[in-house]
Amino acid sequence: TGDVLIEYIPAKNQIKIDYIESRGRSENSASCLRIIAENIDNLVHGHYGMPDTEVLLTCPHCINFDLPIPYMFPLKTVETAAANGASMIVCGSDKNATIH
């Protein structure tokens, strides 16, 4: 279980979603974030009719190292890697860092 924080940033026309796991790392975190992202995507496309949206995921490596501008993975890139059986992807800010 965890907390979900949703923030709308009008200046950037951006919705930021943070999921904070309350009991350590859980396999349910990814599925929870996926459900949240799908619901917001449906709301943005269906209700507001905004076709040009992109879902970006903040690199956990960049967060762990407190980088001022973390790398943002496009969701499509992560989905493609998972569909192709990849168990890790490479951080866009540090090519030596792999994300599992």
PDB file of N, CA and C in Angstrom:
ATOM      1  N   THR A   1       0.842  -1.187   0.000  1.00  0.00           N
ATOM      2  CA  THR A   1       0.000   0.000   0.000  1.00  0.00           C
ATOM      3  C   THR A   1       0.878   1.238   0.000  1.00  0.00           C
ATOM      4  N   GLY A   2       0.301   2.356  -0.383  1.00  0.00           N
ATOM      5  CA  GLY A   2       1.065   3.584  -0.438  1.00  0.00           C
ATOM      6  C   GLY A   2       0.166   4.773  -0.652  1.00  0.00           C
ATOM      7  N   ASP A   3       0.787   5.928  -0.829  1.00  0.00           N
ATOM      8  CA  ASP A   3       0.072   7.167  -1.067  1.00  0.00           C
ATOM      9  C   ASP A   3       0.327   7.639  -2.487  1.00  0.00           C
ATOM     10  N   VAL A   4      -0.694   8.201  -3.101  1.00  0.00           N
ATOM     11  CA  VAL A   4      -0.574   8.749  -4.442  1.00  0.00           C
ATOM     12  C   VAL A   4      -0.742  10.263  -4.344  1.00  0.00           C
ATOM     13  N   LEU A   5       0.217  10.983  -4.889  1.00  0.00           N
ATOM     14  CA  LEU A   5       0.156  12.441  -4.930  1.00  0.00           C
ATOM     15  C   LEU A   5       0.037  12.863  -6.386  1.00  0.00           C
ATOM     16  N   ILE A   6      -0.993  13.623  -6.697  1.00  0.00           N
ATOM     17  CA  ILE A   6      -1.218  14.091  -8.061  1.00  0.00           C
ATOM     18  C   ILE A   6      -1.159  15.603  -8.055  1.00  0.00           C
ATOM     19  N   GLU A   7      -0.326  16.149  -8.923  1.00  0.00           N
ATOM     20  CA  GLU A   7      -0.134  17.596  -8.983  1.00  0.00           C
ATOM     21  C   GLU A   7      -0.290  18.063 -10.429  1.00  0.00           C
ATOM     22  N   TYR A   8      -1.087  19.082 -10.630  1.00  0.00           N
ATOM     23  CA  TYR A   8      -1.227  19.686 -11.959  1.00  0.00           C
ATOM     24  C   TYR A   8      -0.365  20.934 -12.003  1.00  0.00           C
ATOM     25  N   ILE A   9       0.479  21.038 -13.018  1.00  0.00           N
ATOM     26  CA  ILE A   9       1.381  22.182 -13.176  1.00  0.00           C
ATOM     27  C   ILE A   9       0.947  22.927 -14.428  1.00  0.00           C
ATOM     28  N   PRO A  10       0.092  23.972 -14.269  1.00  0.00           N
ATOM     29  CA  PRO A  10      -0.463  24.675 -15.428  1.00  0.00           C
ATOM     30  C   PRO A  10       0.590  25.304 -16.345  1.00  0.00           C
ATOM     31  N   ALA A  11       1.661  25.837 -15.786  1.00  0.00           N
ATOM     32  CA  ALA A  11       2.686  26.500 -16.600  1.00  0.00           C
ATOM     33  C   ALA A  11       3.335  25.542 -17.590  1.00  0.00           C
ATOM     34  N   LYS A  12       3.388  24.261 -17.238  1.00  0.00           N
ATOM     35  CA  LYS A  12       3.989  23.251 -18.107  1.00  0.00           C
ATOM     36  C   LYS A  12       2.942  22.379 -18.780  1.00  0.00           C
ATOM     37  N   ASN A  13       1.655  22.638 -18.471  1.00  0.00           N
ATOM     38  CA  ASN A  13       0.564  21.786 -18.954  1.00  0.00           C
ATOM     39  C   ASN A  13       0.896  20.325 -18.665  1.00  0.00           C
ATOM     40  N   GLN A  14       1.208  20.063 -17.391  1.00  0.00           N
ATOM     41  CA  GLN A  14       1.734  18.776 -16.979  1.00  0.00           C
ATOM     42  C   GLN A  14       1.016  18.282 -15.727  1.00  0.00           C
ATOM     43  N   ILE A  15       0.804  16.973 -15.674  1.00  0.00           N
ATOM     44  CA  ILE A  15       0.280  16.325 -14.476  1.00  0.00           C
ATOM     45  C   ILE A  15       1.399  15.446 -13.942  1.00  0.00           C
ATOM     46  N   LYS A  16       1.754  15.655 -12.678  1.00  0.00           N
ATOM     47  CA  LYS A  16       2.822  14.885 -12.050  1.00  0.00           C
ATOM     48  C   LYS A  16       2.189  13.932 -11.042  1.00  0.00           C
ATOM     49  N   ILE A  17       2.562  12.652 -11.138  1.00  0.00           N
ATOM     50  CA  ILE A  17       2.031  11.632 -10.236  1.00  0.00           C
ATOM     51  C   ILE A  17       3.197  11.019  -9.472  1.00  0.00           C
ATOM     52  N   ASP A  18       3.098  11.055  -8.148  1.00  0.00           N
ATOM     53  CA  ASP A  18       4.102  10.406  -7.299  1.00  0.00           C
ATOM     54  C   ASP A  18       3.412   9.313  -6.497  1.00  0.00           C
ATOM     55  N   TYR A  19       4.043   8.156  -6.446  1.00  0.00           N
ATOM     56  CA  TYR A  19       3.534   7.057  -5.637  1.00  0.00           C
ATOM     57  C   TYR A  19       4.572   6.773  -4.564  1.00  0.00           C
ATOM     58  N   ILE A  20       4.172   6.867  -3.318  1.00  0.00           N
ATOM     59  CA  ILE A  20       5.088   6.665  -2.205  1.00  0.00           C
ATOM     60  C   ILE A  20       4.691   5.376  -1.491  1.00  0.00           C
ATOM     61  N   GLU A  21       5.557   4.395  -1.564  1.00  0.00           N
ATOM     62  CA  GLU A  21       5.302   3.098  -0.945  1.00  0.00           C
ATOM     63  C   GLU A  21       5.464   3.233   0.563  1.00  0.00           C
ATOM     64  N   SER A  22       4.464   2.840   1.315  1.00  0.00           N
ATOM     65  CA  SER A  22       4.509   3.031   2.760  1.00  0.00           C
ATOM     66  C   SER A  22       5.148   1.860   3.512  1.00  0.00           C
ATOM     67  N   ARG A  23       5.263   0.714   2.893  1.00  0.00           N
ATOM     68  CA  ARG A  23       5.844  -0.450   3.568  1.00  0.00           C
ATOM     69  C   ARG A  23       6.999  -1.049   2.778  1.00  0.00           C
ATOM     70  N   GLY A  24       7.896  -0.222   2.320  1.00  0.00           N
ATOM     71  CA  GLY A  24       9.008  -0.740   1.536  1.00  0.00           C
ATOM     72  C   GLY A  24       8.578  -1.027   0.111  1.00  0.00           C
ATOM     73  N   ARG A  25       9.428  -1.660  -0.616  1.00  0.00           N
ATOM     74  CA  ARG A  25       9.176  -1.924  -2.032  1.00  0.00           C
ATOM     75  C   ARG A  25       8.150  -3.035  -2.203  1.00  0.00           C
ATOM     76  N   SER A  26       7.270  -2.842  -3.151  1.00  0.00           N
ATOM     77  CA  SER A  26       6.223  -3.830  -3.396  1.00  0.00           C
ATOM     78  C   SER A  26       6.060  -4.047  -4.889  1.00  0.00           C
ATOM     79  N   GLU A  27       5.761  -5.270  -5.261  1.00  0.00           N
ATOM     80  CA  GLU A  27       5.504  -5.574  -6.672  1.00  0.00           C
ATOM     81  C   GLU A  27       4.209  -4.924  -7.134  1.00  0.00           C
ATOM     82  N   ASN A  28       3.337  -4.560  -6.193  1.00  0.00           N
ATOM     83  CA  ASN A  28       2.073  -3.932  -6.550  1.00  0.00           C
ATOM     84  C   ASN A  28       2.241  -2.468  -6.948  1.00  0.00           C
ATOM     85  N   SER A  29       3.371  -1.871  -6.650  1.00  0.00           N
ATOM     86  CA  SER A  29       3.602  -0.465  -6.961  1.00  0.00           C
ATOM     87  C   SER A  29       3.469  -0.192  -8.456  1.00  0.00           C
ATOM     88  N   ALA A  30       4.106  -1.034  -9.262  1.00  0.00           N
ATOM     89  CA  ALA A  30       4.066  -0.836 -10.709  1.00  0.00           C
ATOM     90  C   ALA A  30       2.648  -0.957 -11.243  1.00  0.00           C
ATOM     91  N   SER A  31       1.900  -1.947 -10.766  1.00  0.00           N
ATOM     92  CA  SER A  31       0.534  -2.115 -11.261  1.00  0.00           C
ATOM     93  C   SER A  31      -0.358  -0.966 -10.786  1.00  0.00           C
ATOM     94  N   CYS A  32      -0.125  -0.471  -9.580  1.00  0.00           N
ATOM     95  CA  CYS A  32      -0.898   0.665  -9.076  1.00  0.00           C
ATOM     96  C   CYS A  32      -0.635   1.906  -9.927  1.00  0.00           C
ATOM     97  N   LEU A  33       0.642   2.181 -10.203  1.00  0.00           N
ATOM     98  CA  LEU A  33       0.974   3.344 -11.036  1.00  0.00           C
ATOM     99  C   LEU A  33       0.402   3.204 -12.439  1.00  0.00           C
ATOM    100  N   ARG A  34       0.415   1.990 -12.959  1.00  0.00           N
ATOM    101  CA  ARG A  34      -0.122   1.743 -14.303  1.00  0.00           C
ATOM    102  C   ARG A  34      -1.624   2.046 -14.337  1.00  0.00           C
ATOM    103  N   ILE A  35      -2.352   1.617 -13.320  1.00  0.00           N
ATOM    104  CA  ILE A  35      -3.793   1.880 -13.251  1.00  0.00           C
ATOM    105  C   ILE A  35      -4.056   3.378 -13.150  1.00  0.00           C
ATOM    106  N   ILE A  36      -3.277   4.067 -12.330  1.00  0.00           N
ATOM    107  CA  ILE A  36      -3.427   5.524 -12.182  1.00  0.00           C
ATOM    108  C   ILE A  36      -3.155   6.216 -13.507  1.00  0.00           C
ATOM    109  N   ALA A  37      -2.051   5.840 -14.169  1.00  0.00           N
ATOM    110  CA  ALA A  37      -1.695   6.462 -15.448  1.00  0.00           C
ATOM    111  C   ALA A  37      -2.768   6.206 -16.496  1.00  0.00           C
ATOM    112  N   GLU A  38      -3.310   4.991 -16.543  1.00  0.00           N
ATOM    113  CA  GLU A  38      -4.365   4.676 -17.519  1.00  0.00           C
ATOM    114  C   GLU A  38      -5.621   5.493 -17.253  1.00  0.00           C
ATOM    115  N   ASN A  39      -5.981   5.650 -15.983  1.00  0.00           N
ATOM    116  CA  ASN A  39      -7.173   6.437 -15.652  1.00  0.00           C
ATOM    117  C   ASN A  39      -6.999   7.908 -16.013  1.00  0.00           C
ATOM    118  N   ILE A  40      -5.835   8.449 -15.729  1.00  0.00           N
ATOM    119  CA  ILE A  40      -5.593   9.853 -16.084  1.00  0.00           C
ATOM    120  C   ILE A  40      -5.536  10.011 -17.597  1.00  0.00           C
ATOM    121  N   ASP A  41      -4.917   9.047 -18.280  1.00  0.00           N
ATOM    122  CA  ASP A  41      -4.854   9.080 -19.736  1.00  0.00           C
ATOM    123  C   ASP A  41      -6.263   9.051 -20.329  1.00  0.00           C
ATOM    124  N   ASN A  42      -7.133   8.196 -19.796  1.00  0.00           N
ATOM    125  CA  ASN A  42      -8.520   8.133 -20.270  1.00  0.00           C
ATOM    126  C   ASN A  42      -9.257   9.438 -20.006  1.00  0.00           C
ATOM    127  N   LEU A  43      -9.022  10.029 -18.846  1.00  0.00           N
ATOM    128  CA  LEU A  43      -9.655  11.301 -18.514  1.00  0.00           C
ATOM    129  C   LEU A  43      -9.198  12.403 -19.462  1.00  0.00           C
ATOM    130  N   VAL A  44      -7.890  12.481 -19.682  1.00  0.00           N
ATOM    131  CA  VAL A  44      -7.330  13.532 -20.547  1.00  0.00           C
ATOM    132  C   VAL A  44      -7.809  13.373 -21.986  1.00  0.00           C
ATOM    133  N   HIS A  45      -7.776  12.139 -22.498  1.00  0.00           N
ATOM    134  CA  HIS A  45      -8.188  11.912 -23.883  1.00  0.00           C
ATOM    135  C   HIS A  45      -9.713  11.936 -24.039  1.00  0.00           C
ATOM    136  N   GLY A  46     -10.406  11.228 -23.150  1.00  0.00           N
ATOM    137  CA  GLY A  46     -11.852  11.087 -23.283  1.00  0.00           C
ATOM    138  C   GLY A  46     -12.624  12.329 -22.894  1.00  0.00           C
ATOM    139  N   HIS A  47     -12.389  12.828 -21.700  1.00  0.00           N
ATOM    140  CA  HIS A  47     -13.178  13.954 -21.201  1.00  0.00           C
ATOM    141  C   HIS A  47     -12.718  15.294 -21.777  1.00  0.00           C
ATOM    142  N   TYR A  48     -11.414  15.503 -21.773  1.00  0.00           N
ATOM    143  CA  TYR A  48     -10.890  16.797 -22.221  1.00  0.00           C
ATOM    144  C   TYR A  48     -10.503  16.808 -23.696  1.00  0.00           C
ATOM    145  N   GLY A  49     -10.434  15.641 -24.321  1.00  0.00           N
ATOM    146  CA  GLY A  49     -10.136  15.570 -25.755  1.00  0.00           C
ATOM    147  C   GLY A  49      -8.768  16.089 -26.129  1.00  0.00           C
ATOM    148  N   MET A  50      -7.769  15.823 -25.296  1.00  0.00           N
ATOM    149  CA  MET A  50      -6.394  16.273 -25.560  1.00  0.00           C
ATOM    150  C   MET A  50      -5.598  15.100 -26.127  1.00  0.00           C
ATOM    151  N   PRO A  51      -5.463  15.014 -27.458  1.00  0.00           N
ATOM    152  CA  PRO A  51      -4.840  13.839 -28.061  1.00  0.00           C
ATOM    153  C   PRO A  51      -3.318  13.764 -27.908  1.00  0.00           C
ATOM    154  N   ASP A  52      -2.637  14.880 -27.781  1.00  0.00           N
ATOM    155  CA  ASP A  52      -1.175  14.895 -27.759  1.00  0.00           C
ATOM    156  C   ASP A  52      -0.641  14.842 -26.330  1.00  0.00           C
ATOM    157  N   THR A  53      -0.654  13.665 -25.737  1.00  0.00           N
ATOM    158  CA  THR A  53      -0.117  13.495 -24.397  1.00  0.00           C
ATOM    159  C   THR A  53       0.959  12.420 -24.422  1.00  0.00           C
ATOM    160  N   GLU A  54       1.890  12.535 -23.494  1.00  0.00           N
ATOM    161  CA  GLU A  54       2.961  11.556 -23.379  1.00  0.00           C
ATOM    162  C   GLU A  54       3.159  11.254 -21.900  1.00  0.00           C
ATOM    163  N   VAL A  55       3.274   9.978 -21.558  1.00  0.00           N
ATOM    164  CA  VAL A  55       3.517   9.565 -20.186  1.00  0.00           C
ATOM    165  C   VAL A  55       5.015   9.352 -20.025  1.00  0.00           C
ATOM    166  N   LEU A  56       5.592  10.029 -19.037  1.00  0.00           N
ATOM    167  CA  LEU A  56       7.016   9.910 -18.745  1.00  0.00           C
ATOM    168  C   LEU A  56       7.201   9.372 -17.339  1.00  0.00           C
ATOM    169  N   LEU A  57       8.185   8.500 -17.175  1.00  0.00           N
ATOM    170  CA  LEU A  57       8.496   7.908 -15.876  1.00  0.00           C
ATOM    171  C   LEU A  57       9.868   8.388 -15.428  1.00  0.00           C
ATOM    172  N   THR A  58       9.953   8.908 -14.214  1.00  0.00           N
ATOM    173  CA  THR A  58      11.226   9.401 -13.694  1.00  0.00           C
ATOM    174  C   THR A  58      12.158   8.230 -13.407  1.00  0.00           C
ATOM    175  N   CYS A  59      13.405   8.377 -13.794  1.00  0.00           N
ATOM    176  CA  CYS A  59      14.413   7.337 -13.585  1.00  0.00           C
ATOM    177  C   CYS A  59      14.714   7.193 -12.093  1.00  0.00           C
ATOM    178  N   PRO A  60      14.541   5.972 -11.540  1.00  0.00           N
ATOM    179  CA  PRO A  60      14.825   5.782 -10.113  1.00  0.00           C
ATOM    180  C   PRO A  60      16.292   6.006  -9.765  1.00  0.00           C
ATOM    181  N   HIS A  61      17.190   5.714 -10.690  1.00  0.00           N
ATOM    182  CA  HIS A  61      18.620   5.961 -10.462  1.00  0.00           C
ATOM    183  C   HIS A  61      18.866   7.451 -10.239  1.00  0.00           C
ATOM    184  N   CYS A  62      18.259   8.279 -11.073  1.00  0.00           N
ATOM    185  CA  CYS A  62      18.424   9.727 -10.953  1.00  0.00           C
ATOM    186  C   CYS A  62      17.842  10.256  -9.640  1.00  0.00           C
ATOM    187  N   ILE A  63      16.715   9.661  -9.222  1.00  0.00           N
ATOM    188  CA  ILE A  63      16.112  10.054  -7.943  1.00  0.00           C
ATOM    189  C   ILE A  63      17.039   9.670  -6.795  1.00  0.00           C
ATOM    190  N   ASN A  64      17.575   8.439  -6.836  1.00  0.00           N
ATOM    191  CA  ASN A  64      18.470   7.975  -5.766  1.00  0.00           C
ATOM    192  C   ASN A  64      19.710   8.843  -5.631  1.00  0.00           C
ATOM    193  N   PHE A  65      20.196   9.375  -6.756  1.00  0.00           N
ATOM    194  CA  PHE A  65      21.385  10.216  -6.722  1.00  0.00           C
ATOM    195  C   PHE A  65      21.033  11.705  -6.675  1.00  0.00           C
ATOM    196  N   ASP A  66      19.752  11.995  -6.483  1.00  0.00           N
ATOM    197  CA  ASP A  66      19.269  13.372  -6.300  1.00  0.00           C
ATOM    198  C   ASP A  66      19.737  14.313  -7.412  1.00  0.00           C
ATOM    199  N   LEU A  67      19.671  13.819  -8.658  1.00  0.00           N
ATOM    200  CA  LEU A  67      20.063  14.661  -9.793  1.00  0.00           C
ATOM    201  C   LEU A  67      19.044  15.781  -9.975  1.00  0.00           C
ATOM    202  N   PRO A  68      19.509  17.004 -10.240  1.00  0.00           N
ATOM    203  CA  PRO A  68      18.582  18.133 -10.356  1.00  0.00           C
ATOM    204  C   PRO A  68      17.609  17.999 -11.523  1.00  0.00           C
ATOM    205  N   ILE A  69      18.039  17.368 -12.602  1.00  0.00           N
ATOM    206  CA  ILE A  69      17.166  17.125 -13.758  1.00  0.00           C
ATOM    207  C   ILE A  69      17.230  15.636 -14.070  1.00  0.00           C
ATOM    208  N   PRO A  70      16.334  14.848 -13.466  1.00  0.00           N
ATOM    209  CA  PRO A  70      16.370  13.397 -13.693  1.00  0.00           C
ATOM    210  C   PRO A  70      15.946  13.040 -15.110  1.00  0.00           C
ATOM    211  N   TYR A  71      16.460  11.912 -15.576  1.00  0.00           N
ATOM    212  CA  TYR A  71      16.059  11.418 -16.888  1.00  0.00           C
ATOM    213  C   TYR A  71      14.621  10.934 -16.805  1.00  0.00           C
ATOM    214  N   MET A  72      13.870  11.175 -17.863  1.00  0.00           N
ATOM    215  CA  MET A  72      12.467  10.756 -17.922  1.00  0.00           C
ATOM    216  C   MET A  72      12.316   9.725 -19.037  1.00  0.00           C
ATOM    217  N   PHE A  73      11.948   8.504 -18.656  1.00  0.00           N
ATOM    218  CA  PHE A  73      11.711   7.450 -19.634  1.00  0.00           C
ATOM    219  C   PHE A  73      10.320   7.604 -20.229  1.00  0.00           C
ATOM    220  N   PRO A  74      10.199   7.623 -21.548  1.00  0.00           N
ATOM    221  CA  PRO A  74       8.860   7.554 -22.130  1.00  0.00           C
ATOM    222  C   PRO A  74       8.247   6.190 -21.793  1.00  0.00           C
ATOM    223  N   LEU A  75       6.996   6.180 -21.386  1.00  0.00           N
ATOM    224  CA  LEU A  75       6.324   4.932 -21.020  1.00  0.00           C
ATOM    225  C   LEU A  75       6.393   3.923 -22.156  1.00  0.00           C
ATOM    226  N   LYS A  76       6.248   4.385 -23.386  1.00  0.00           N
ATOM    227  CA  LYS A  76       6.292   3.480 -24.549  1.00  0.00           C
ATOM    228  C   LYS A  76       7.631   2.731 -24.605  1.00  0.00           C
ATOM    229  N   THR A  77       8.732   3.403 -24.250  1.00  0.00           N
ATOM    230  CA  THR A  77      10.053   2.769 -24.249  1.00  0.00           C
ATOM    231  C   THR A  77      10.112   1.647 -23.223  1.00  0.00           C
ATOM    232  N   VAL A  78       9.582   1.916 -22.028  1.00  0.00           N
ATOM    233  CA  VAL A  78       9.581   0.914 -20.958  1.00  0.00           C
ATOM    234  C   VAL A  78       8.676  -0.258 -21.334  1.00  0.00           C
ATOM    235  N   GLU A  79       7.508   0.035 -21.894  1.00  0.00           N
ATOM    236  CA  GLU A  79       6.592  -1.027 -22.313  1.00  0.00           C
ATOM    237  C   GLU A  79       7.206  -1.894 -23.403  1.00  0.00           C
ATOM    238  N   THR A  80       7.880  -1.273 -24.366  1.00  0.00           N
ATOM    239  CA  THR A  80       8.515  -2.016 -25.457  1.00  0.00           C
ATOM    240  C   THR A  80       9.618  -2.920 -24.921  1.00  0.00           C
ATOM    241  N   ALA A  81      10.431  -2.391 -24.004  1.00  0.00           N
ATOM    242  CA  ALA A  81      11.504  -3.186 -23.417  1.00  0.00           C
ATOM    243  C   ALA A  81      10.931  -4.393 -22.674  1.00  0.00           C
ATOM    244  N   ALA A  82       9.872  -4.180 -21.908  1.00  0.00           N
ATOM    245  CA  ALA A  82       9.243  -5.279 -21.165  1.00  0.00           C
ATOM    246  C   ALA A  82       8.636  -6.305 -22.115  1.00  0.00           C
ATOM    247  N   ALA A  83       7.997  -5.844 -23.181  1.00  0.00           N
ATOM    248  CA  ALA A  83       7.380  -6.747 -24.156  1.00  0.00           C
ATOM    249  C   ALA A  83       8.430  -7.591 -24.876  1.00  0.00           C
ATOM    250  N   ASN A  84       9.636  -7.028 -25.027  1.00  0.00           N
ATOM    251  CA  ASN A  84      10.719  -7.756 -25.687  1.00  0.00           C
ATOM    252  C   ASN A  84      11.512  -8.626 -24.716  1.00  0.00           C
ATOM    253  N   GLY A  85      11.053  -8.715 -23.471  1.00  0.00           N
ATOM    254  CA  GLY A  85      11.691  -9.586 -22.494  1.00  0.00           C
ATOM    255  C   GLY A  85      12.884  -8.986 -21.769  1.00  0.00           C
ATOM    256  N   ALA A  86      13.116  -7.702 -21.915  1.00  0.00           N
ATOM    257  CA  ALA A  86      14.244  -7.070 -21.227  1.00  0.00           C
ATOM    258  C   ALA A  86      13.959  -6.982 -19.732  1.00  0.00           C
ATOM    259  N   SER A  87      14.946  -7.333 -18.928  1.00  0.00           N
ATOM    260  CA  SER A  87      14.768  -7.253 -17.474  1.00  0.00           C
ATOM    261  C   SER A  87      15.361  -5.959 -16.915  1.00  0.00           C
ATOM    262  N   MET A  88      15.990  -5.155 -17.781  1.00  0.00           N
ATOM    263  CA  MET A  88      16.550  -3.887 -17.345  1.00  0.00           C
ATOM    264  C   MET A  88      16.626  -2.913 -18.515  1.00  0.00           C
ATOM    265  N   ILE A  89      16.689  -1.628 -18.171  1.00  0.00           N
ATOM    266  CA  ILE A  89      16.909  -0.578 -19.164  1.00  0.00           C
ATOM    267  C   ILE A  89      18.019   0.321 -18.644  1.00  0.00           C
ATOM    268  N   VAL A  90      18.605   1.106 -19.526  1.00  0.00           N
ATOM    269  CA  VAL A  90      19.743   1.944 -19.177  1.00  0.00           C
ATOM    270  C   VAL A  90      19.271   3.382 -18.930  1.00  0.00           C
ATOM    271  N   CYS A  91      19.782   3.975 -17.861  1.00  0.00           N
ATOM    272  CA  CYS A  91      19.470   5.365 -17.534  1.00  0.00           C
ATOM    273  C   CYS A  91      19.950   6.272 -18.661  1.00  0.00           C
ATOM    274  N   GLY A  92      19.135   7.233 -19.059  1.00  0.00           N
ATOM    275  CA  GLY A  92      19.505   8.163 -20.117  1.00  0.00           C
ATOM    276  C   GLY A  92      20.529   9.198 -19.690  1.00  0.00           C
ATOM    277  N   SER A  93      20.682   9.408 -18.375  1.00  0.00           N
ATOM    278  CA  SER A  93      21.653  10.374 -17.869  1.00  0.00           C
ATOM    279  C   SER A  93      23.001   9.741 -17.554  1.00  0.00           C
ATOM    280  N   ASP A  94      23.009   8.438 -17.255  1.00  0.00           N
ATOM    281  CA  ASP A  94      24.222   7.726 -16.898  1.00  0.00           C
ATOM    282  C   ASP A  94      24.192   6.362 -17.578  1.00  0.00           C
ATOM    283  N   LYS A  95      24.900   6.246 -18.686  1.00  0.00           N
ATOM    284  CA  LYS A  95      24.863   5.016 -19.487  1.00  0.00           C
ATOM    285  C   LYS A  95      25.428   3.799 -18.742  1.00  0.00           C
ATOM    286  N   ASN A  96      26.088   4.013 -17.595  1.00  0.00           N
ATOM    287  CA  ASN A  96      26.608   2.902 -16.805  1.00  0.00           C
ATOM    288  C   ASN A  96      25.599   2.388 -15.786  1.00  0.00           C
ATOM    289  N   ALA A  97      24.470   3.083 -15.660  1.00  0.00           N
ATOM    290  CA  ALA A  97      23.464   2.700 -14.674  1.00  0.00           C
ATOM    291  C   ALA A  97      22.330   1.944 -15.354  1.00  0.00           C
ATOM    292  N   THR A  98      22.044   0.744 -14.828  1.00  0.00           N
ATOM    293  CA  THR A  98      20.928  -0.031 -15.356  1.00  0.00           C
ATOM    294  C   THR A  98      19.799  -0.063 -14.326  1.00  0.00           C
ATOM    295  N   ILE A  99      18.579  -0.009 -14.821  1.00  0.00           N
ATOM    296  CA  ILE A  99      17.386  -0.015 -13.981  1.00  0.00           C
ATOM    297  C   ILE A  99      16.717  -1.373 -14.163  1.00  0.00           C
ATOM    298  N   HIS A 100      16.482  -2.085 -13.078  1.00  0.00           N
ATOM    299  CA  HIS A 100      15.856  -3.412 -13.130  1.00  0.00           C
ATOM    300  C   HIS A 100      14.394  -3.320 -12.814  1.00  0.00           C
TER     301      HIS A 100
END
